[in-house]
N, C-alpha and C. Protein backbone atom coordinates (compact mmCIF):
# COMPACT_ATOMS: atom_id res chain seq x y z
N MET A 1 18.78 9.80 -40.09
CA MET A 1 17.74 8.78 -40.14
C MET A 1 17.11 8.65 -38.74
N ALA A 2 15.78 8.66 -38.70
CA ALA A 2 15.08 8.56 -37.42
C ALA A 2 15.29 7.19 -36.81
N ALA A 3 15.34 7.16 -35.50
CA ALA A 3 15.51 5.88 -34.80
C ALA A 3 14.26 5.04 -34.98
N THR A 4 14.44 3.73 -35.07
CA THR A 4 13.31 2.82 -35.18
C THR A 4 12.57 2.78 -33.85
N PRO A 5 11.26 2.36 -33.87
CA PRO A 5 10.53 2.28 -32.59
C PRO A 5 11.24 1.44 -31.56
N GLY A 6 11.83 0.33 -32.00
CA GLY A 6 12.53 -0.53 -31.05
C GLY A 6 13.74 0.15 -30.44
N ARG A 7 14.46 0.90 -31.26
CA ARG A 7 15.64 1.59 -30.75
C ARG A 7 15.23 2.74 -29.83
N ARG A 8 14.16 3.47 -30.20
CA ARG A 8 13.70 4.56 -29.34
C ARG A 8 13.30 4.04 -27.97
N GLU A 9 12.59 2.91 -27.94
CA GLU A 9 12.18 2.33 -26.67
C GLU A 9 13.39 1.89 -25.85
N ALA A 10 14.38 1.32 -26.53
CA ALA A 10 15.60 0.90 -25.83
C ALA A 10 16.32 2.11 -25.25
N ASN A 11 16.34 3.22 -26.01
CA ASN A 11 16.98 4.44 -25.51
C ASN A 11 16.25 4.99 -24.29
N LYS A 12 14.91 4.93 -24.32
CA LYS A 12 14.12 5.40 -23.19
C LYS A 12 14.40 4.56 -21.94
N GLN A 13 14.46 3.25 -22.13
CA GLN A 13 14.74 2.36 -21.00
C GLN A 13 16.13 2.61 -20.44
N ALA A 14 17.08 2.87 -21.33
CA ALA A 14 18.45 3.13 -20.89
C ALA A 14 18.53 4.44 -20.10
N THR A 15 17.81 5.47 -20.58
CA THR A 15 17.81 6.75 -19.87
C THR A 15 17.17 6.61 -18.50
N ARG A 16 16.05 5.91 -18.45
CA ARG A 16 15.36 5.69 -17.18
C ARG A 16 16.27 4.95 -16.20
N ALA A 17 16.94 3.91 -16.69
CA ALA A 17 17.84 3.13 -15.83
C ALA A 17 18.99 3.99 -15.34
N ALA A 18 19.50 4.87 -16.21
CA ALA A 18 20.60 5.74 -15.82
C ALA A 18 20.16 6.72 -14.73
N LEU A 19 18.95 7.25 -14.85
CA LEU A 19 18.44 8.16 -13.82
C LEU A 19 18.26 7.45 -12.49
N LEU A 20 17.72 6.24 -12.51
CA LEU A 20 17.53 5.48 -11.28
C LEU A 20 18.88 5.16 -10.64
N ALA A 21 19.84 4.74 -11.46
CA ALA A 21 21.17 4.41 -10.92
C ALA A 21 21.82 5.64 -10.30
N ALA A 22 21.69 6.78 -10.97
CA ALA A 22 22.27 8.01 -10.45
C ALA A 22 21.61 8.42 -9.14
N ALA A 23 20.28 8.28 -9.08
CA ALA A 23 19.55 8.64 -7.86
C ALA A 23 19.98 7.75 -6.69
N LYS A 24 20.07 6.47 -6.92
CA LYS A 24 20.47 5.55 -5.86
C LYS A 24 21.86 5.90 -5.33
N ARG A 25 22.75 6.16 -6.27
CA ARG A 25 24.13 6.47 -5.87
C ARG A 25 24.19 7.77 -5.09
N MET A 26 23.50 8.78 -5.57
CA MET A 26 23.59 10.09 -4.92
C MET A 26 22.82 10.13 -3.60
N PHE A 27 21.70 9.42 -3.52
CA PHE A 27 20.99 9.34 -2.25
C PHE A 27 21.87 8.69 -1.19
N ALA A 28 22.59 7.62 -1.61
CA ALA A 28 23.46 6.92 -0.66
C ALA A 28 24.63 7.81 -0.24
N GLU A 29 25.15 8.60 -1.17
CA GLU A 29 26.32 9.42 -0.87
C GLU A 29 25.96 10.70 -0.12
N ARG A 30 24.89 11.37 -0.54
CA ARG A 30 24.57 12.69 -0.01
C ARG A 30 23.35 12.71 0.91
N GLY A 31 22.50 11.70 0.78
CA GLY A 31 21.23 11.72 1.49
C GLY A 31 20.14 12.24 0.58
N TYR A 32 18.93 11.85 0.87
CA TYR A 32 17.79 12.20 0.02
C TYR A 32 17.56 13.70 -0.03
N GLU A 33 17.50 14.35 1.12
CA GLU A 33 17.15 15.76 1.17
C GLU A 33 18.20 16.63 0.48
N ALA A 34 19.46 16.26 0.59
CA ALA A 34 20.54 17.08 0.03
C ALA A 34 20.72 16.88 -1.47
N THR A 35 20.07 15.89 -2.03
CA THR A 35 20.19 15.60 -3.46
C THR A 35 19.07 16.30 -4.23
N THR A 36 19.41 17.00 -5.27
CA THR A 36 18.42 17.70 -6.09
C THR A 36 18.19 16.97 -7.41
N VAL A 37 17.10 17.35 -8.07
CA VAL A 37 16.84 16.81 -9.41
C VAL A 37 17.98 17.16 -10.35
N ARG A 38 18.50 18.39 -10.22
CA ARG A 38 19.63 18.79 -11.06
C ARG A 38 20.83 17.89 -10.83
N ASP A 39 21.08 17.53 -9.57
CA ASP A 39 22.20 16.63 -9.25
C ASP A 39 22.01 15.28 -9.96
N ILE A 40 20.81 14.74 -9.86
CA ILE A 40 20.54 13.43 -10.45
C ILE A 40 20.67 13.48 -11.96
N ALA A 41 20.07 14.51 -12.56
CA ALA A 41 20.15 14.64 -14.01
C ALA A 41 21.60 14.79 -14.47
N GLY A 42 22.38 15.62 -13.76
CA GLY A 42 23.77 15.81 -14.12
C GLY A 42 24.57 14.52 -14.03
N ALA A 43 24.32 13.75 -12.96
CA ALA A 43 25.04 12.49 -12.79
C ALA A 43 24.68 11.49 -13.88
N ALA A 44 23.44 11.56 -14.37
CA ALA A 44 23.00 10.68 -15.45
C ALA A 44 23.33 11.24 -16.83
N ARG A 45 23.90 12.46 -16.86
CA ARG A 45 24.30 13.13 -18.10
C ARG A 45 23.12 13.43 -19.00
N VAL A 46 22.04 13.89 -18.37
CA VAL A 46 20.88 14.36 -19.12
C VAL A 46 20.46 15.70 -18.52
N THR A 47 19.52 16.37 -19.17
CA THR A 47 19.04 17.65 -18.66
C THR A 47 17.93 17.43 -17.64
N GLU A 48 17.66 18.49 -16.84
CA GLU A 48 16.54 18.41 -15.92
C GLU A 48 15.23 18.20 -16.67
N ARG A 49 15.11 18.81 -17.83
CA ARG A 49 13.90 18.63 -18.64
C ARG A 49 13.70 17.16 -19.00
N THR A 50 14.81 16.49 -19.32
CA THR A 50 14.71 15.06 -19.62
C THR A 50 14.28 14.27 -18.40
N PHE A 51 14.82 14.63 -17.24
CA PHE A 51 14.41 13.96 -16.00
C PHE A 51 12.90 13.99 -15.85
N TYR A 52 12.30 15.16 -16.05
CA TYR A 52 10.87 15.32 -15.82
C TYR A 52 10.01 14.64 -16.90
N ARG A 53 10.63 14.18 -17.95
CA ARG A 53 9.90 13.36 -18.92
C ARG A 53 9.64 11.96 -18.36
N TYR A 54 10.45 11.57 -17.39
CA TYR A 54 10.35 10.22 -16.84
C TYR A 54 9.75 10.19 -15.43
N PHE A 55 10.01 11.20 -14.64
CA PHE A 55 9.58 11.18 -13.24
C PHE A 55 9.04 12.54 -12.83
N ASP A 56 8.06 12.52 -11.95
CA ASP A 56 7.49 13.74 -11.40
C ASP A 56 8.27 14.13 -10.15
N GLY A 57 9.49 14.56 -10.34
CA GLY A 57 10.35 14.94 -9.23
C GLY A 57 10.93 13.74 -8.49
N LYS A 58 11.64 14.03 -7.40
CA LYS A 58 12.24 12.96 -6.60
C LYS A 58 11.17 12.04 -6.02
N GLU A 59 10.07 12.62 -5.60
CA GLU A 59 9.01 11.81 -5.01
C GLU A 59 8.42 10.85 -6.03
N GLY A 60 8.23 11.35 -7.25
CA GLY A 60 7.71 10.48 -8.30
C GLY A 60 8.66 9.34 -8.62
N LEU A 61 9.96 9.64 -8.58
CA LEU A 61 10.96 8.61 -8.84
C LEU A 61 10.89 7.52 -7.77
N ILE A 62 10.80 7.92 -6.52
CA ILE A 62 10.70 6.95 -5.43
C ILE A 62 9.42 6.15 -5.53
N GLY A 63 8.30 6.83 -5.84
CA GLY A 63 7.02 6.14 -5.93
C GLY A 63 7.03 5.09 -7.03
N ASP A 64 7.57 5.43 -8.20
CA ASP A 64 7.64 4.48 -9.30
C ASP A 64 8.49 3.27 -8.92
N GLU A 65 9.63 3.55 -8.28
CA GLU A 65 10.53 2.46 -7.89
C GLU A 65 9.87 1.58 -6.83
N TYR A 66 9.16 2.19 -5.93
CA TYR A 66 8.51 1.42 -4.88
C TYR A 66 7.45 0.48 -5.46
N ARG A 67 6.63 0.99 -6.37
CA ARG A 67 5.60 0.14 -6.99
C ARG A 67 6.22 -0.98 -7.81
N ALA A 68 7.33 -0.69 -8.48
CA ALA A 68 8.01 -1.74 -9.24
C ALA A 68 8.57 -2.80 -8.29
N TRP A 69 9.07 -2.35 -7.13
CA TRP A 69 9.61 -3.29 -6.14
C TRP A 69 8.51 -4.19 -5.59
N LEU A 70 7.32 -3.64 -5.38
CA LEU A 70 6.20 -4.46 -4.91
C LEU A 70 5.89 -5.56 -5.90
N ASP A 71 5.93 -5.25 -7.19
CA ASP A 71 5.67 -6.28 -8.21
C ASP A 71 6.75 -7.35 -8.18
N ILE A 72 8.01 -6.93 -7.97
CA ILE A 72 9.11 -7.90 -7.91
C ILE A 72 8.94 -8.81 -6.71
N LEU A 73 8.58 -8.24 -5.57
CA LEU A 73 8.38 -9.05 -4.36
C LEU A 73 7.23 -10.02 -4.55
N ARG A 74 6.12 -9.56 -5.10
CA ARG A 74 4.97 -10.43 -5.33
C ARG A 74 5.35 -11.60 -6.22
N GLU A 75 6.09 -11.32 -7.29
CA GLU A 75 6.49 -12.39 -8.20
C GLU A 75 7.44 -13.36 -7.52
N ALA A 76 8.34 -12.84 -6.68
CA ALA A 76 9.27 -13.71 -5.97
C ALA A 76 8.54 -14.66 -5.03
N ILE A 77 7.48 -14.18 -4.38
CA ILE A 77 6.67 -15.04 -3.50
C ILE A 77 5.96 -16.12 -4.31
N LEU A 78 5.42 -15.72 -5.45
CA LEU A 78 4.70 -16.68 -6.30
C LEU A 78 5.63 -17.75 -6.86
N MET A 79 6.90 -17.42 -7.04
CA MET A 79 7.84 -18.36 -7.65
C MET A 79 8.44 -19.34 -6.63
N ARG A 80 8.16 -19.15 -5.36
CA ARG A 80 8.66 -20.09 -4.36
C ARG A 80 7.99 -21.46 -4.56
N PRO A 81 8.67 -22.54 -4.15
CA PRO A 81 8.09 -23.88 -4.34
C PRO A 81 6.70 -24.00 -3.72
N PRO A 82 5.77 -24.65 -4.42
CA PRO A 82 4.40 -24.78 -3.91
C PRO A 82 4.32 -25.48 -2.56
N SER A 83 5.33 -26.33 -2.26
CA SER A 83 5.29 -27.08 -1.01
C SER A 83 5.59 -26.21 0.22
N GLU A 84 6.14 -25.03 0.02
CA GLU A 84 6.48 -24.19 1.16
C GLU A 84 5.22 -23.58 1.79
N ALA A 85 5.22 -23.54 3.11
CA ALA A 85 4.14 -22.86 3.81
C ALA A 85 4.18 -21.38 3.45
N PRO A 86 3.03 -20.71 3.47
CA PRO A 86 3.01 -19.30 3.06
C PRO A 86 4.01 -18.42 3.78
N VAL A 87 4.13 -18.55 5.10
CA VAL A 87 5.05 -17.67 5.82
C VAL A 87 6.49 -17.96 5.43
N VAL A 88 6.81 -19.22 5.12
CA VAL A 88 8.16 -19.57 4.67
C VAL A 88 8.42 -19.00 3.29
N ALA A 89 7.42 -19.07 2.41
CA ALA A 89 7.57 -18.53 1.06
C ALA A 89 7.84 -17.02 1.10
N VAL A 90 7.12 -16.33 1.96
CA VAL A 90 7.32 -14.88 2.09
C VAL A 90 8.71 -14.60 2.64
N ARG A 91 9.08 -15.32 3.70
CA ARG A 91 10.40 -15.11 4.30
C ARG A 91 11.51 -15.34 3.28
N GLU A 92 11.45 -16.44 2.56
CA GLU A 92 12.51 -16.78 1.61
C GLU A 92 12.55 -15.80 0.44
N ALA A 93 11.39 -15.32 0.01
CA ALA A 93 11.35 -14.34 -1.08
C ALA A 93 11.99 -13.03 -0.64
N VAL A 94 11.64 -12.56 0.55
CA VAL A 94 12.21 -11.31 1.06
C VAL A 94 13.72 -11.44 1.23
N LEU A 95 14.17 -12.55 1.81
CA LEU A 95 15.60 -12.73 2.03
C LEU A 95 16.36 -12.87 0.71
N ALA A 96 15.75 -13.53 -0.28
CA ALA A 96 16.40 -13.67 -1.59
C ALA A 96 16.59 -12.31 -2.25
N ILE A 97 15.56 -11.47 -2.18
CA ILE A 97 15.69 -10.13 -2.75
C ILE A 97 16.73 -9.34 -1.97
N GLY A 98 16.76 -9.52 -0.65
CA GLY A 98 17.77 -8.85 0.16
C GLY A 98 19.18 -9.24 -0.24
N ARG A 99 19.38 -10.52 -0.54
CA ARG A 99 20.70 -10.98 -0.98
C ARG A 99 21.08 -10.36 -2.31
N GLN A 100 20.11 -10.24 -3.20
CA GLN A 100 20.38 -9.61 -4.49
C GLN A 100 20.78 -8.15 -4.31
N VAL A 101 20.06 -7.47 -3.42
CA VAL A 101 20.39 -6.07 -3.15
C VAL A 101 21.80 -5.95 -2.59
N ALA A 102 22.13 -6.81 -1.63
CA ALA A 102 23.44 -6.76 -0.98
C ALA A 102 24.57 -7.03 -1.97
N SER A 103 24.32 -7.90 -2.96
CA SER A 103 25.35 -8.24 -3.93
C SER A 103 25.41 -7.28 -5.10
N GLY A 104 24.40 -6.39 -5.18
CA GLY A 104 24.35 -5.47 -6.31
C GLY A 104 23.78 -6.09 -7.56
N ALA A 105 23.27 -7.34 -7.45
CA ALA A 105 22.77 -8.05 -8.62
C ALA A 105 21.29 -7.84 -8.87
N GLY A 106 20.61 -7.21 -7.93
CA GLY A 106 19.17 -7.06 -8.08
C GLY A 106 18.73 -5.62 -7.93
N PRO A 107 17.44 -5.39 -8.06
CA PRO A 107 16.92 -4.03 -7.91
C PRO A 107 17.10 -3.53 -6.49
N ILE A 108 17.51 -2.30 -6.36
CA ILE A 108 17.74 -1.71 -5.04
C ILE A 108 16.65 -0.70 -4.75
N PRO A 109 15.72 -1.03 -3.87
CA PRO A 109 14.67 -0.05 -3.57
C PRO A 109 15.25 1.26 -3.05
N LEU A 110 14.79 2.35 -3.59
CA LEU A 110 15.33 3.64 -3.19
C LEU A 110 15.03 3.97 -1.74
N TRP A 111 14.06 3.28 -1.14
CA TRP A 111 13.73 3.56 0.25
C TRP A 111 14.55 2.73 1.21
N LEU A 112 15.56 1.99 0.68
CA LEU A 112 16.44 1.21 1.56
C LEU A 112 17.88 1.72 1.52
N PHE A 113 18.08 2.99 1.09
CA PHE A 113 19.45 3.46 1.08
C PHE A 113 19.90 3.79 2.49
N SER A 114 21.19 4.12 2.64
CA SER A 114 21.84 4.04 3.94
C SER A 114 21.20 4.90 5.03
N GLU A 115 20.71 6.07 4.71
CA GLU A 115 20.22 6.93 5.79
C GLU A 115 18.79 6.60 6.20
N GLY A 116 18.22 5.59 5.59
CA GLY A 116 16.84 5.23 5.91
C GLY A 116 15.88 5.86 4.92
N PRO A 117 14.67 5.34 4.85
CA PRO A 117 13.73 5.79 3.83
C PRO A 117 13.21 7.20 4.09
N PRO A 118 13.05 7.98 3.03
CA PRO A 118 12.41 9.28 3.17
C PRO A 118 10.91 9.08 3.32
N VAL A 119 10.46 8.75 4.52
CA VAL A 119 9.11 8.27 4.74
C VAL A 119 8.05 9.25 4.26
N THR A 120 8.23 10.52 4.61
CA THR A 120 7.24 11.52 4.22
C THR A 120 7.10 11.61 2.71
N SER A 121 8.23 11.63 2.01
CA SER A 121 8.20 11.71 0.56
C SER A 121 7.61 10.45 -0.05
N LEU A 122 7.94 9.29 0.51
CA LEU A 122 7.38 8.05 -0.01
C LEU A 122 5.88 8.02 0.17
N ARG A 123 5.39 8.51 1.29
CA ARG A 123 3.95 8.53 1.52
C ARG A 123 3.23 9.45 0.54
N ARG A 124 3.88 10.54 0.16
CA ARG A 124 3.26 11.43 -0.83
C ARG A 124 3.27 10.80 -2.20
N ALA A 125 4.36 10.07 -2.53
CA ALA A 125 4.48 9.47 -3.85
C ALA A 125 3.67 8.18 -3.98
N ALA A 126 3.59 7.43 -2.89
CA ALA A 126 2.86 6.16 -2.89
C ALA A 126 2.03 6.12 -1.61
N PRO A 127 0.82 6.68 -1.65
CA PRO A 127 0.01 6.80 -0.43
C PRO A 127 -0.13 5.47 0.31
N ARG A 128 0.00 5.53 1.62
CA ARG A 128 -0.12 4.37 2.51
C ARG A 128 0.79 3.22 2.05
N PRO A 129 2.09 3.47 1.97
CA PRO A 129 3.00 2.46 1.41
C PRO A 129 3.02 1.15 2.18
N LEU A 130 2.89 1.19 3.51
CA LEU A 130 2.90 -0.07 4.26
C LEU A 130 1.67 -0.90 3.96
N LEU A 131 0.53 -0.24 3.78
CA LEU A 131 -0.68 -0.98 3.41
C LEU A 131 -0.55 -1.54 2.01
N GLN A 132 0.11 -0.82 1.11
CA GLN A 132 0.35 -1.35 -0.23
C GLN A 132 1.25 -2.59 -0.16
N LEU A 133 2.25 -2.54 0.72
CA LEU A 133 3.13 -3.69 0.89
C LEU A 133 2.37 -4.87 1.46
N GLU A 134 1.56 -4.63 2.48
CA GLU A 134 0.73 -5.70 3.04
C GLU A 134 -0.17 -6.31 1.98
N SER A 135 -0.81 -5.46 1.21
CA SER A 135 -1.75 -5.92 0.20
C SER A 135 -1.05 -6.76 -0.87
N SER A 136 0.14 -6.34 -1.28
CA SER A 136 0.88 -7.08 -2.29
C SER A 136 1.27 -8.47 -1.80
N ILE A 137 1.74 -8.54 -0.55
CA ILE A 137 2.11 -9.84 0.02
C ILE A 137 0.89 -10.72 0.20
N ALA A 138 -0.20 -10.14 0.74
CA ALA A 138 -1.42 -10.92 0.95
C ALA A 138 -1.98 -11.44 -0.36
N ASP A 139 -1.93 -10.63 -1.40
CA ASP A 139 -2.42 -11.05 -2.71
C ASP A 139 -1.61 -12.24 -3.24
N ALA A 140 -0.28 -12.18 -3.06
CA ALA A 140 0.56 -13.28 -3.52
C ALA A 140 0.25 -14.56 -2.73
N ILE A 141 0.04 -14.42 -1.43
CA ILE A 141 -0.30 -15.59 -0.60
C ILE A 141 -1.63 -16.18 -1.04
N MET A 142 -2.62 -15.33 -1.27
CA MET A 142 -3.93 -15.81 -1.70
C MET A 142 -3.84 -16.53 -3.03
N THR A 143 -3.03 -16.02 -3.94
CA THR A 143 -2.85 -16.67 -5.24
C THR A 143 -2.24 -18.05 -5.06
N ARG A 144 -1.26 -18.16 -4.15
CA ARG A 144 -0.65 -19.46 -3.88
C ARG A 144 -1.68 -20.42 -3.27
N LEU A 145 -2.47 -19.93 -2.35
CA LEU A 145 -3.46 -20.78 -1.70
C LEU A 145 -4.53 -21.25 -2.69
N ARG A 146 -4.96 -20.35 -3.58
CA ARG A 146 -5.94 -20.76 -4.59
C ARG A 146 -5.36 -21.81 -5.51
N SER A 147 -4.08 -21.63 -5.88
CA SER A 147 -3.42 -22.59 -6.76
C SER A 147 -3.29 -23.95 -6.10
N ALA A 148 -3.17 -23.93 -4.77
CA ALA A 148 -3.04 -25.18 -4.02
C ALA A 148 -4.39 -25.81 -3.70
N GLY A 149 -5.48 -25.16 -4.12
CA GLY A 149 -6.80 -25.73 -3.90
C GLY A 149 -7.42 -25.35 -2.59
N GLY A 150 -6.97 -24.22 -1.98
CA GLY A 150 -7.57 -23.78 -0.73
C GLY A 150 -8.97 -23.26 -0.95
N ASP A 151 -9.62 -22.84 0.14
CA ASP A 151 -11.00 -22.40 0.03
C ASP A 151 -11.11 -20.92 -0.30
N ALA A 152 -9.94 -20.26 -0.57
CA ALA A 152 -9.95 -18.83 -0.83
C ALA A 152 -10.46 -18.54 -2.23
N THR A 153 -11.23 -17.50 -2.37
CA THR A 153 -11.69 -17.01 -3.65
C THR A 153 -11.46 -15.52 -3.72
N PRO A 154 -11.23 -14.98 -4.94
CA PRO A 154 -10.96 -13.56 -5.05
C PRO A 154 -12.06 -12.72 -4.41
N GLY A 155 -11.66 -11.76 -3.59
CA GLY A 155 -12.62 -10.86 -2.97
C GLY A 155 -13.36 -11.43 -1.79
N ASP A 156 -13.08 -12.66 -1.41
CA ASP A 156 -13.77 -13.28 -0.28
C ASP A 156 -13.00 -12.97 0.99
N ALA A 157 -13.33 -11.84 1.62
CA ALA A 157 -12.57 -11.40 2.80
C ALA A 157 -12.97 -12.15 4.05
N GLY A 158 -14.01 -12.99 3.98
CA GLY A 158 -14.48 -13.65 5.17
C GLY A 158 -13.91 -15.03 5.39
N THR A 159 -13.14 -15.56 4.45
CA THR A 159 -12.62 -16.91 4.60
C THR A 159 -11.46 -16.97 5.57
N ALA A 160 -11.25 -18.16 6.11
CA ALA A 160 -10.11 -18.37 7.00
C ALA A 160 -8.81 -18.15 6.26
N GLU A 161 -8.77 -18.51 4.96
CA GLU A 161 -7.55 -18.35 4.19
C GLU A 161 -7.22 -16.87 3.98
N GLU A 162 -8.26 -16.07 3.77
CA GLU A 162 -8.04 -14.63 3.61
C GLU A 162 -7.46 -14.05 4.90
N PHE A 163 -8.00 -14.45 6.02
CA PHE A 163 -7.50 -13.98 7.31
C PHE A 163 -6.05 -14.43 7.51
N ARG A 164 -5.77 -15.67 7.15
CA ARG A 164 -4.41 -16.20 7.26
C ARG A 164 -3.44 -15.38 6.42
N ALA A 165 -3.83 -15.06 5.20
CA ALA A 165 -2.97 -14.28 4.31
C ALA A 165 -2.70 -12.90 4.89
N ARG A 166 -3.72 -12.29 5.45
CA ARG A 166 -3.55 -10.95 6.00
C ARG A 166 -2.64 -10.96 7.23
N VAL A 167 -2.79 -11.96 8.08
CA VAL A 167 -1.93 -12.05 9.26
C VAL A 167 -0.48 -12.21 8.84
N ILE A 168 -0.22 -13.13 7.91
CA ILE A 168 1.15 -13.37 7.46
C ILE A 168 1.74 -12.13 6.83
N SER A 169 0.96 -11.44 6.01
CA SER A 169 1.47 -10.25 5.35
C SER A 169 1.82 -9.16 6.36
N ARG A 170 1.01 -9.02 7.40
CA ARG A 170 1.28 -7.99 8.41
C ARG A 170 2.50 -8.33 9.25
N VAL A 171 2.68 -9.61 9.54
CA VAL A 171 3.86 -10.03 10.27
C VAL A 171 5.12 -9.79 9.43
N ALA A 172 5.04 -10.10 8.14
CA ALA A 172 6.18 -9.89 7.25
C ALA A 172 6.54 -8.42 7.15
N VAL A 173 5.53 -7.56 7.04
CA VAL A 173 5.78 -6.12 6.99
C VAL A 173 6.42 -5.64 8.28
N ALA A 174 5.98 -6.19 9.40
CA ALA A 174 6.58 -5.82 10.69
C ALA A 174 8.06 -6.20 10.71
N ALA A 175 8.41 -7.35 10.14
CA ALA A 175 9.81 -7.78 10.10
C ALA A 175 10.64 -6.83 9.24
N VAL A 176 10.13 -6.49 8.05
CA VAL A 176 10.84 -5.57 7.16
C VAL A 176 10.98 -4.20 7.81
N ARG A 177 9.90 -3.72 8.40
CA ARG A 177 9.92 -2.40 9.04
C ARG A 177 10.90 -2.39 10.22
N SER A 178 10.89 -3.46 11.02
CA SER A 178 11.79 -3.52 12.16
C SER A 178 13.25 -3.50 11.72
N ALA A 179 13.55 -4.25 10.65
CA ALA A 179 14.93 -4.30 10.16
C ALA A 179 15.39 -2.94 9.64
N THR A 180 14.54 -2.24 8.89
CA THR A 180 14.94 -0.95 8.34
C THR A 180 15.06 0.12 9.44
N ILE A 181 14.16 0.07 10.41
CA ILE A 181 14.25 1.03 11.52
C ILE A 181 15.52 0.79 12.33
N GLN A 182 15.81 -0.47 12.63
CA GLN A 182 17.02 -0.79 13.39
C GLN A 182 18.27 -0.35 12.64
N HIS A 183 18.28 -0.59 11.32
CA HIS A 183 19.42 -0.18 10.52
C HIS A 183 19.59 1.33 10.54
N ARG A 184 18.50 2.06 10.42
CA ARG A 184 18.56 3.52 10.42
C ARG A 184 19.06 4.04 11.77
N GLU A 185 18.59 3.45 12.86
CA GLU A 185 19.00 3.90 14.19
C GLU A 185 20.48 3.61 14.44
N LEU A 186 20.94 2.42 14.04
CA LEU A 186 22.36 2.09 14.22
C LEU A 186 23.23 3.01 13.38
N HIS A 187 22.78 3.29 12.16
CA HIS A 187 23.53 4.17 11.27
C HIS A 187 23.61 5.57 11.86
N ALA A 188 22.50 6.04 12.42
CA ALA A 188 22.46 7.39 13.00
C ALA A 188 23.41 7.50 14.20
N ARG A 189 23.55 6.40 14.94
CA ARG A 189 24.43 6.42 16.11
C ARG A 189 25.90 6.20 15.74
N GLY A 190 26.14 5.89 14.47
CA GLY A 190 27.51 5.65 14.03
C GLY A 190 28.09 4.39 14.62
N GLU A 191 27.27 3.38 14.80
CA GLU A 191 27.74 2.12 15.38
C GLU A 191 28.79 1.47 14.48
N PRO A 192 29.94 1.10 15.03
CA PRO A 192 30.95 0.42 14.22
C PRO A 192 30.48 -0.99 13.84
N ALA A 193 30.76 -1.37 12.62
CA ALA A 193 30.41 -2.71 12.13
C ALA A 193 28.92 -3.01 12.32
N ALA A 194 28.08 -2.01 12.12
CA ALA A 194 26.64 -2.22 12.23
C ALA A 194 26.18 -3.20 11.15
N PRO A 195 25.27 -4.11 11.48
CA PRO A 195 24.80 -5.07 10.47
C PRO A 195 24.08 -4.37 9.33
N SER A 196 24.10 -5.00 8.17
CA SER A 196 23.42 -4.46 7.01
C SER A 196 21.91 -4.69 7.13
N VAL A 197 21.15 -4.05 6.26
CA VAL A 197 19.71 -4.29 6.23
C VAL A 197 19.44 -5.76 5.98
N GLN A 198 20.20 -6.37 5.07
CA GLN A 198 20.02 -7.78 4.76
C GLN A 198 20.22 -8.65 5.99
N GLU A 199 21.25 -8.36 6.76
CA GLU A 199 21.51 -9.14 7.97
C GLU A 199 20.40 -8.95 9.00
N LEU A 200 19.89 -7.73 9.09
CA LEU A 200 18.81 -7.46 10.04
C LEU A 200 17.51 -8.10 9.58
N LEU A 201 17.28 -8.15 8.27
CA LEU A 201 16.11 -8.86 7.76
C LEU A 201 16.17 -10.34 8.15
N GLY A 202 17.37 -10.93 7.98
CA GLY A 202 17.53 -12.32 8.37
C GLY A 202 17.27 -12.54 9.84
N ALA A 203 17.76 -11.62 10.67
CA ALA A 203 17.54 -11.73 12.12
C ALA A 203 16.06 -11.60 12.46
N ALA A 204 15.38 -10.64 11.81
CA ALA A 204 13.96 -10.43 12.09
C ALA A 204 13.13 -11.65 11.73
N PHE A 205 13.40 -12.23 10.58
CA PHE A 205 12.65 -13.42 10.18
C PHE A 205 13.05 -14.65 10.99
N ALA A 206 14.29 -14.66 11.49
CA ALA A 206 14.70 -15.76 12.37
C ALA A 206 13.89 -15.73 13.66
N ILE A 207 13.64 -14.52 14.17
CA ILE A 207 12.82 -14.38 15.38
C ILE A 207 11.41 -14.90 15.11
N ILE A 208 10.86 -14.54 13.95
CA ILE A 208 9.53 -15.02 13.59
C ILE A 208 9.53 -16.54 13.50
N SER A 209 10.58 -17.10 12.88
CA SER A 209 10.65 -18.55 12.72
C SER A 209 10.71 -19.26 14.07
N GLU A 210 11.47 -18.69 14.99
CA GLU A 210 11.58 -19.29 16.33
C GLU A 210 10.23 -19.31 17.03
N GLU A 211 9.47 -18.22 16.82
CA GLU A 211 8.21 -18.09 17.53
C GLU A 211 7.05 -18.79 16.83
N TRP A 212 7.18 -19.00 15.52
CA TRP A 212 6.02 -19.43 14.75
C TRP A 212 6.25 -20.66 13.91
N CYS A 213 7.37 -20.64 13.11
CA CYS A 213 7.52 -21.66 12.07
C CYS A 213 8.00 -22.99 12.59
N ASP A 214 8.80 -23.00 13.63
CA ASP A 214 9.43 -24.25 14.06
C ASP A 214 8.50 -25.08 14.95
């Protein structure tokens, strides 16, 4: 008997999740470059042909995960209490996602595994990823400001609120980038008891808070 549409979709989602989980595990264990599509498919107990039904190679897998992570971050910013200042909302959203990643309870971006992000591959899979991150954060801030009755309107790049959103988004990206670079450098040097990405994110945003929020 053929599977029902609902069951087929559930099977597809399960296969996709298994491939992502296998990729995350193997990237962390072996590194991105040393891991092949065959390795990932084997770990997920599917064929390479099945892998390519879901992703356009390793780069496609990373690109899809990165875009999904941007949506998760945007939603997390929007869900912060309306009373929070934009920079606080961004900081708390990023740190909350970081805590989920650290506990294993949330989505783990493939570009945050232990050896650091495969930047070249990510850029091919998701062109200008840092600008995409900035844009996603700025869009969430603008949505919050519009909901609060600010003077921002969609597409109005000349307003003070638009400028404010762009500045905050760029500062937030700098904090995330600084934390991941520091983590990668410490890991490369084999530093004992090196802080996690989550801890470094907290430190980076603490510096911003000292200089700006307080």
